[in-house]
């Protein structure tokens, strides 16, 4: 499996609670915070749900 780095680039203030929970489950709490994940279908689905709040780079 390949790995991806997910970086939060926008705030979650005034976002729906489902998007806030998705960001928290990805491990993102602050702007410019980066986390590394395996590129599984579950993680990619969560990233797709909040794609307007994050940037993704593949390792």
PDB file of N, CA and C in Angstrom:
ATOM      1  N   UNK A   1       0.842  -1.199   0.000  1.00  0.00           N
ATOM      2  CA  UNK A   1       0.000   0.000   0.000  1.00  0.00           C
ATOM      3  C   UNK A   1       0.880   1.253   0.000  1.00  0.00           C
ATOM      4  N   UNK A   2       0.442   2.241  -0.720  1.00  0.00           N
ATOM      5  CA  UNK A   2       1.164   3.503  -0.707  1.00  0.00           C
ATOM      6  C   UNK A   2       0.698   4.336   0.487  1.00  0.00           C
ATOM      7  N   UNK A   3       1.469   5.339   0.791  1.00  0.00           N
ATOM      8  CA  UNK A   3       1.135   6.218   1.908  1.00  0.00           C
ATOM      9  C   UNK A   3       0.831   7.612   1.374  1.00  0.00           C
ATOM     10  N   UNK A   4       0.007   8.325   2.115  1.00  0.00           N
ATOM     11  CA  UNK A   4      -0.314   9.706   1.754  1.00  0.00           C
ATOM     12  C   UNK A   4      -0.105  10.585   2.973  1.00  0.00           C
ATOM     13  N   UNK A   5       0.203  11.838   2.724  1.00  0.00           N
ATOM     14  CA  UNK A   5       0.286  12.847   3.775  1.00  0.00           C
ATOM     15  C   UNK A   5      -0.893  13.780   3.585  1.00  0.00           C
ATOM     16  N   UNK A   6      -1.690  13.932   4.634  1.00  0.00           N
ATOM     17  CA  UNK A   6      -2.868  14.790   4.597  1.00  0.00           C
ATOM     18  C   UNK A   6      -2.569  16.011   5.459  1.00  0.00           C
ATOM     19  N   UNK A   7      -2.741  17.190   4.896  1.00  0.00           N
ATOM     20  CA  UNK A   7      -2.457  18.445   5.593  1.00  0.00           C
ATOM     21  C   UNK A   7      -3.715  19.298   5.622  1.00  0.00           C
ATOM     22  N   UNK A   8      -4.071  19.788   6.808  1.00  0.00           N
ATOM     23  CA  UNK A   8      -5.235  20.661   6.927  1.00  0.00           C
ATOM     24  C   UNK A   8      -4.836  22.056   6.481  1.00  0.00           C
ATOM     25  N   UNK A   9      -5.574  22.610   5.526  1.00  0.00           N
ATOM     26  CA  UNK A   9      -5.243  23.932   4.992  1.00  0.00           C
ATOM     27  C   UNK A   9      -6.333  24.967   5.249  1.00  0.00           C
ATOM     28  N   UNK A  10      -7.523  24.529   5.649  1.00  0.00           N
ATOM     29  CA  UNK A  10      -8.611  25.461   5.944  1.00  0.00           C
ATOM     30  C   UNK A  10      -9.229  25.112   7.282  1.00  0.00           C
ATOM     31  N   UNK A  11      -9.889  26.081   7.889  1.00  0.00           N
ATOM     32  CA  UNK A  11     -10.490  25.914   9.201  1.00  0.00           C
ATOM     33  C   UNK A  11     -11.776  25.099   9.125  1.00  0.00           C
ATOM     34  N   UNK A  12     -12.105  24.439  10.243  1.00  0.00           N
ATOM     35  CA  UNK A  12     -13.354  23.677  10.316  1.00  0.00           C
ATOM     36  C   UNK A  12     -14.449  24.469  11.031  1.00  0.00           C
ATOM     37  N   UNK A  13     -14.171  25.728  11.317  1.00  0.00           N
ATOM     38  CA  UNK A  13     -15.192  26.577  11.931  1.00  0.00           C
ATOM     39  C   UNK A  13     -16.316  26.795  10.919  1.00  0.00           C
ATOM     40  N   UNK A  14     -17.555  26.708  11.386  1.00  0.00           N
ATOM     41  CA  UNK A  14     -18.758  26.876  10.568  1.00  0.00           C
ATOM     42  C   UNK A  14     -18.892  25.805   9.492  1.00  0.00           C
ATOM     43  N   UNK A  15     -18.452  24.601   9.805  1.00  0.00           N
ATOM     44  CA  UNK A  15     -18.620  23.447   8.925  1.00  0.00           C
ATOM     45  C   UNK A  15     -19.622  22.495   9.563  1.00  0.00           C
ATOM     46  N   UNK A  16     -20.271  21.644   8.790  1.00  0.00           N
ATOM     47  CA  UNK A  16     -21.202  20.660   9.364  1.00  0.00           C
ATOM     48  C   UNK A  16     -20.471  19.702  10.308  1.00  0.00           C
ATOM     49  N   UNK A  17     -21.200  19.177  11.266  1.00  0.00           N
ATOM     50  CA  UNK A  17     -20.581  18.313  12.279  1.00  0.00           C
ATOM     51  C   UNK A  17     -20.006  17.042  11.655  1.00  0.00           C
ATOM     52  N   UNK A  18     -20.567  16.572  10.542  1.00  0.00           N
ATOM     53  CA  UNK A  18     -20.008  15.376   9.913  1.00  0.00           C
ATOM     54  C   UNK A  18     -18.598  15.636   9.382  1.00  0.00           C
ATOM     55  N   UNK A  19     -18.372  16.839   8.854  1.00  0.00           N
ATOM     56  CA  UNK A  19     -17.039  17.182   8.372  1.00  0.00           C
ATOM     57  C   UNK A  19     -16.076  17.372   9.531  1.00  0.00           C
ATOM     58  N   UNK A  20     -16.549  17.944  10.629  1.00  0.00           N
ATOM     59  CA  UNK A  20     -15.698  18.104  11.809  1.00  0.00           C
ATOM     60  C   UNK A  20     -15.280  16.749  12.361  1.00  0.00           C
ATOM     61  N   UNK A  21     -16.220  15.807  12.413  1.00  0.00           N
ATOM     62  CA  UNK A  21     -15.900  14.469  12.917  1.00  0.00           C
ATOM     63  C   UNK A  21     -14.960  13.728  11.973  1.00  0.00           C
ATOM     64  N   UNK A  22     -15.110  13.943  10.684  1.00  0.00           N
ATOM     65  CA  UNK A  22     -14.215  13.315   9.715  1.00  0.00           C
ATOM     66  C   UNK A  22     -12.796  13.842   9.883  1.00  0.00           C
ATOM     67  N   UNK A  23     -12.648  15.144  10.061  1.00  0.00           N
ATOM     68  CA  UNK A  23     -11.318  15.726  10.274  1.00  0.00           C
ATOM     69  C   UNK A  23     -10.698  15.183  11.555  1.00  0.00           C
ATOM     70  N   UNK A  24     -11.492  15.056  12.603  1.00  0.00           N
ATOM     71  CA  UNK A  24     -10.974  14.538  13.863  1.00  0.00           C
ATOM     72  C   UNK A  24     -10.557  13.074  13.715  1.00  0.00           C
ATOM     73  N   UNK A  25     -11.324  12.304  12.959  1.00  0.00           N
ATOM     74  CA  UNK A  25     -10.972  10.901  12.776  1.00  0.00           C
ATOM     75  C   UNK A  25      -9.722  10.737  11.910  1.00  0.00           C
ATOM     76  N   UNK A  26      -9.450  11.708  11.057  1.00  0.00           N
ATOM     77  CA  UNK A  26      -8.200  11.700  10.298  1.00  0.00           C
ATOM     78  C   UNK A  26      -7.016  12.126  11.165  1.00  0.00           C
ATOM     79  N   UNK A  27      -7.285  12.687  12.331  1.00  0.00           N
ATOM     80  CA  UNK A  27      -6.216  13.112  13.229  1.00  0.00           C
ATOM     81  C   UNK A  27      -5.811  14.553  13.049  1.00  0.00           C
ATOM     82  N   UNK A  28      -6.677  15.350  12.415  1.00  0.00           N
ATOM     83  CA  UNK A  28      -6.359  16.757  12.149  1.00  0.00           C
ATOM     84  C   UNK A  28      -7.152  17.657  13.079  1.00  0.00           C
ATOM     85  N   UNK A  29      -6.455  18.550  13.770  1.00  0.00           N
ATOM     86  CA  UNK A  29      -7.108  19.457  14.697  1.00  0.00           C
ATOM     87  C   UNK A  29      -6.741  20.921  14.465  1.00  0.00           C
ATOM     88  N   UNK A  30      -5.576  21.176  13.863  1.00  0.00           N
ATOM     89  CA  UNK A  30      -5.117  22.534  13.662  1.00  0.00           C
ATOM     90  C   UNK A  30      -4.721  22.749  12.201  1.00  0.00           C
ATOM     91  N   UNK A  31      -4.780  23.993  11.768  1.00  0.00           N
ATOM     92  CA  UNK A  31      -4.360  24.333  10.415  1.00  0.00           C
ATOM     93  C   UNK A  31      -2.858  24.094  10.300  1.00  0.00           C
ATOM     94  N   UNK A  32      -2.434  23.590   9.150  1.00  0.00           N
ATOM     95  CA  UNK A  32      -1.055  23.232   8.812  1.00  0.00           C
ATOM     96  C   UNK A  32      -0.559  21.978   9.520  1.00  0.00           C
ATOM     97  N   UNK A  33      -1.423  21.281  10.220  1.00  0.00           N
ATOM     98  CA  UNK A  33      -1.039  20.012  10.824  1.00  0.00           C
ATOM     99  C   UNK A  33      -1.044  18.936   9.742  1.00  0.00           C
ATOM    100  N   UNK A  34      -0.039  18.064   9.775  1.00  0.00           N
ATOM    101  CA  UNK A  34       0.077  16.995   8.792  1.00  0.00           C
ATOM    102  C   UNK A  34       0.022  15.646   9.482  1.00  0.00           C
ATOM    103  N   UNK A  35      -0.637  14.690   8.849  1.00  0.00           N
ATOM    104  CA  UNK A  35      -0.655  13.320   9.337  1.00  0.00           C
ATOM    105  C   UNK A  35      -0.386  12.388   8.159  1.00  0.00           C
ATOM    106  N   UNK A  36       0.169  11.228   8.462  1.00  0.00           N
ATOM    107  CA  UNK A  36       0.482  10.241   7.436  1.00  0.00           C
ATOM    108  C   UNK A  36      -0.446   9.050   7.611  1.00  0.00           C
ATOM    109  N   UNK A  37      -1.026   8.598   6.508  1.00  0.00           N
ATOM    110  CA  UNK A  37      -1.947   7.467   6.526  1.00  0.00           C
ATOM    111  C   UNK A  37      -1.622   6.525   5.374  1.00  0.00           C
ATOM    112  N   UNK A  38      -2.039   5.270   5.528  1.00  0.00           N
ATOM    113  CA  UNK A  38      -2.029   4.332   4.405  1.00  0.00           C
ATOM    114  C   UNK A  38      -3.142   4.753   3.444  1.00  0.00           C
ATOM    115  N   UNK A  39      -2.949   4.511   2.183  1.00  0.00           N
ATOM    116  CA  UNK A  39      -3.938   4.913   1.180  1.00  0.00           C
ATOM    117  C   UNK A  39      -4.979   3.807   1.003  1.00  0.00           C
ATOM    118  N   UNK A  40      -5.738   3.539   2.055  1.00  0.00           N
ATOM    119  CA  UNK A  40      -6.808   2.538   1.994  1.00  0.00           C
ATOM    120  C   UNK A  40      -8.075   3.187   1.450  1.00  0.00           C
ATOM    121  N   UNK A  41      -9.022   2.397   0.961  1.00  0.00           N
ATOM    122  CA  UNK A  41     -10.273   2.981   0.461  1.00  0.00           C
ATOM    123  C   UNK A  41     -11.023   3.777   1.531  1.00  0.00           C
ATOM    124  N   UNK A  42     -10.935   3.350   2.786  1.00  0.00           N
ATOM    125  CA  UNK A  42     -11.626   4.066   3.863  1.00  0.00           C
ATOM    126  C   UNK A  42     -11.029   5.454   4.070  1.00  0.00           C
ATOM    127  N   UNK A  43      -9.715   5.539   4.120  1.00  0.00           N
ATOM    128  CA  UNK A  43      -9.039   6.829   4.310  1.00  0.00           C
ATOM    129  C   UNK A  43      -9.270   7.728   3.106  1.00  0.00           C
ATOM    130  N   UNK A  44      -9.177   7.173   1.911  1.00  0.00           N
ATOM    131  CA  UNK A  44      -9.392   7.979   0.704  1.00  0.00           C
ATOM    132  C   UNK A  44     -10.822   8.503   0.635  1.00  0.00           C
ATOM    133  N   UNK A  45     -11.785   7.741   1.123  1.00  0.00           N
ATOM    134  CA  UNK A  45     -13.165   8.210   1.174  1.00  0.00           C
ATOM    135  C   UNK A  45     -13.336   9.364   2.137  1.00  0.00           C
ATOM    136  N   UNK A  46     -12.662   9.273   3.303  1.00  0.00           N
ATOM    137  CA  UNK A  46     -12.728  10.377   4.266  1.00  0.00           C
ATOM    138  C   UNK A  46     -12.070  11.626   3.707  1.00  0.00           C
ATOM    139  N   UNK A  47     -10.942  11.451   3.029  1.00  0.00           N
ATOM    140  CA  UNK A  47     -10.249  12.596   2.424  1.00  0.00           C
ATOM    141  C   UNK A  47     -11.119  13.223   1.344  1.00  0.00           C
ATOM    142  N   UNK A  48     -11.803  12.405   0.572  1.00  0.00           N
ATOM    143  CA  UNK A  48     -12.675  12.926  -0.479  1.00  0.00           C
ATOM    144  C   UNK A  48     -13.832  13.732   0.100  1.00  0.00           C
ATOM    145  N   UNK A  49     -14.300  13.350   1.275  1.00  0.00           N
ATOM    146  CA  UNK A  49     -15.409  14.051   1.912  1.00  0.00           C
ATOM    147  C   UNK A  49     -15.013  15.463   2.357  1.00  0.00           C
ATOM    148  N   UNK A  50     -13.758  15.656   2.721  1.00  0.00           N
ATOM    149  CA  UNK A  50     -13.293  16.973   3.196  1.00  0.00           C
ATOM    150  C   UNK A  50     -12.183  17.524   2.293  1.00  0.00           C
ATOM    151  N   UNK A  51     -12.257  17.210   0.999  1.00  0.00           N
ATOM    152  CA  UNK A  51     -11.191  17.606   0.072  1.00  0.00           C
ATOM    153  C   UNK A  51     -11.015  19.113  -0.040  1.00  0.00           C
ATOM    154  N   UNK A  52     -12.053  19.888   0.306  1.00  0.00           N
ATOM    155  CA  UNK A  52     -11.950  21.346   0.235  1.00  0.00           C
ATOM    156  C   UNK A  52     -11.239  21.929   1.464  1.00  0.00           C
ATOM    157  N   UNK A  53     -10.950  21.094   2.472  1.00  0.00           N
ATOM    158  CA  UNK A  53     -10.298  21.540   3.696  1.00  0.00           C
ATOM    159  C   UNK A  53      -8.859  21.046   3.824  1.00  0.00           C
ATOM    160  N   UNK A  54      -8.457  20.109   2.977  1.00  0.00           N
ATOM    161  CA  UNK A  54      -7.145  19.482   3.123  1.00  0.00           C
ATOM    162  C   UNK A  54      -6.386  19.480   1.795  1.00  0.00           C
ATOM    163  N   UNK A  55      -5.089  19.243   1.886  1.00  0.00           N
ATOM    164  CA  UNK A  55      -4.279  18.965   0.705  1.00  0.00           C
ATOM    165  C   UNK A  55      -3.626  17.607   0.928  1.00  0.00           C
ATOM    166  N   UNK A  56      -3.471  16.860  -0.162  1.00  0.00           N
ATOM    167  CA  UNK A  56      -2.965  15.496  -0.083  1.00  0.00           C
ATOM    168  C   UNK A  56      -1.750  15.369  -0.979  1.00  0.00           C
ATOM    169  N   UNK A  57      -0.685  14.759  -0.436  1.00  0.00           N
ATOM    170  CA  UNK A  57       0.492  14.431  -1.233  1.00  0.00           C
ATOM    171  C   UNK A  57       0.775  12.952  -1.050  1.00  0.00           C
ATOM    172  N   UNK A  58       1.195  12.319  -2.122  1.00  0.00           N
ATOM    173  CA  UNK A  58       1.482  10.891  -2.088  1.00  0.00           C
ATOM    174  C   UNK A  58       2.968  10.678  -1.866  1.00  0.00           C
ATOM    175  N   UNK A  59       3.282   9.713  -1.040  1.00  0.00           N
ATOM    176  CA  UNK A  59       4.702   9.412  -0.750  1.00  0.00           C
ATOM    177  C   UNK A  59       5.174   8.327  -1.699  1.00  0.00           C
TER     178      UNK A  59
END
